[in-house]
Amino acid sequence: MNISKRVATAIFTATVAFTIVGCSSTPSRESTGEYVDDAVVTAKVKAAIFNEPSLKSSEINVETYKGDVQLSGFVAQPDDAKRAADVARGVKGVTSVKNDVRVK
């Protein structure tokens, strides 16, 4: 019976170790937690842009990777592109903003 407890403990320990390693991030891949965090940041940035009356949120795309936000799309005025980046920078969780928004 003692051997079966040791085998069960070893299997449990191996399962936990594989789970932890499987959920860790690499330089080219996000962990599960980072992916969820980035999804939340993306949603917050989109909401902030939507709530900005001078911006058309349907024309601005937002992508987030490890807290770095990339904006792309088209706006009518150069000031709108700058405003979109300023709004994104004001969102909690954003570490940097790459503004690829273009003027039509």
Protein backbone atom coordinates (compact mmCIF):
# COMPACT_ATOMS: atom_id res chain seq x y z
CA MET A 1 0.00 0.00 0.00
CA ASN A 2 2.92 2.31 0.69
CA ILE A 3 4.17 1.86 -2.88
CA SER A 4 0.78 2.78 -4.35
CA LYS A 5 0.79 6.03 -2.33
CA ARG A 6 4.24 6.87 -3.68
CA VAL A 7 3.16 6.14 -7.26
CA ALA A 8 0.01 8.24 -6.82
CA THR A 9 2.07 11.08 -5.32
CA ALA A 10 4.58 10.89 -8.17
CA ILE A 11 1.81 10.97 -10.78
CA PHE A 12 0.14 13.91 -9.05
CA THR A 13 3.43 15.81 -8.79
CA ALA A 14 4.24 15.17 -12.45
CA THR A 15 0.77 16.35 -13.50
CA VAL A 16 1.13 19.58 -11.53
CA ALA A 17 4.61 20.18 -12.93
CA PHE A 18 3.47 19.66 -16.53
CA THR A 19 0.49 21.96 -15.97
CA ILE A 20 2.67 24.74 -14.60
CA VAL A 21 5.24 24.40 -17.39
CA GLY A 22 2.51 24.21 -20.01
CA CYS A 23 0.97 27.50 -18.84
CA SER A 24 4.20 29.46 -18.67
CA SER A 25 5.10 32.05 -21.26
CA THR A 26 7.97 32.07 -23.71
CA PRO A 27 9.45 35.04 -25.60
CA SER A 28 7.21 34.27 -28.58
CA ARG A 29 4.12 32.94 -26.80
CA GLU A 30 1.91 34.27 -24.02
CA SER A 31 0.86 32.25 -21.02
CA THR A 32 -2.83 31.66 -20.43
CA GLY A 33 -2.93 34.38 -17.77
CA GLU A 34 -1.17 36.89 -20.01
CA TYR A 35 -3.58 36.12 -22.84
CA VAL A 36 -6.55 36.81 -20.57
CA ASP A 37 -4.90 39.99 -19.26
CA ASP A 38 -4.31 41.20 -22.81
CA ALA A 39 -7.91 40.49 -23.74
CA VAL A 40 -9.05 42.63 -20.81
CA VAL A 41 -6.68 45.46 -21.78
CA THR A 42 -7.91 45.28 -25.39
CA ALA A 43 -11.52 45.49 -24.24
CA LYS A 44 -10.75 48.46 -21.99
CA VAL A 45 -8.94 50.32 -24.77
CA LYS A 46 -11.79 49.66 -27.21
CA ALA A 47 -14.30 50.92 -24.64
CA ALA A 48 -12.24 54.04 -23.98
CA ILE A 49 -12.01 54.78 -27.72
CA PHE A 50 -15.75 54.11 -28.09
CA ASN A 51 -16.49 56.61 -25.28
CA GLU A 52 -14.37 59.29 -26.95
CA PRO A 53 -16.88 61.36 -28.98
CA SER A 54 -14.35 62.56 -31.56
CA LEU A 55 -13.29 59.02 -32.54
CA LYS A 56 -15.09 56.40 -34.61
CA SER A 57 -14.30 53.19 -32.77
CA SER A 58 -15.43 51.03 -35.68
CA GLU A 59 -12.51 52.32 -37.77
CA ILE A 60 -9.78 51.73 -35.17
CA ASN A 61 -8.46 48.22 -34.50
CA VAL A 62 -6.84 47.35 -31.18
CA GLU A 63 -4.47 44.46 -30.52
CA THR A 64 -2.55 43.76 -27.32
CA TYR A 65 0.46 41.55 -26.65
CA LYS A 66 1.96 41.46 -23.17
CA GLY A 67 0.57 44.92 -22.39
CA ASP A 68 1.85 46.50 -25.61
CA VAL A 69 -1.10 47.95 -27.53
CA GLN A 70 -1.07 48.36 -31.30
CA LEU A 71 -3.62 50.66 -32.89
CA SER A 72 -4.39 50.46 -36.60
CA GLY A 73 -7.08 51.68 -38.93
CA PHE A 74 -8.14 54.98 -40.45
CA VAL A 75 -9.34 58.33 -39.11
CA ALA A 76 -10.47 61.56 -40.75
CA GLN A 77 -8.11 64.00 -39.02
CA PRO A 78 -4.45 63.78 -37.88
CA ASP A 79 -5.51 64.92 -34.40
CA ASP A 80 -7.81 61.90 -34.17
CA ALA A 81 -4.87 59.52 -34.61
CA LYS A 82 -2.97 61.27 -31.83
CA ARG A 83 -6.08 61.31 -29.63
CA ALA A 84 -6.57 57.55 -30.08
CA ALA A 85 -3.02 56.90 -28.87
CA ASP A 86 -3.49 59.27 -25.91
CA VAL A 87 -6.71 57.51 -24.93
CA ALA A 88 -5.01 54.09 -25.14
CA ARG A 89 -2.08 55.26 -23.00
CA GLY A 90 -4.54 56.32 -20.29
CA VAL A 91 -5.91 52.79 -19.86
CA LYS A 92 -4.67 50.83 -16.84
CA GLY A 93 -2.55 47.85 -17.92
CA VAL A 94 -1.15 49.45 -21.07
CA THR A 95 2.65 49.45 -21.02
CA SER A 96 3.23 50.98 -24.46
CA VAL A 97 1.28 52.08 -27.54
CA LYS A 98 2.30 51.64 -31.17
CA ASN A 99 0.13 53.96 -33.22
CA ASP A 100 -0.34 52.74 -36.80
CA VAL A 101 -3.55 54.70 -37.33
CA ARG A 102 -3.56 56.45 -40.72
CA VAL A 103 -5.41 59.52 -41.97
CA LYS A 104 -7.84 58.83 -44.85
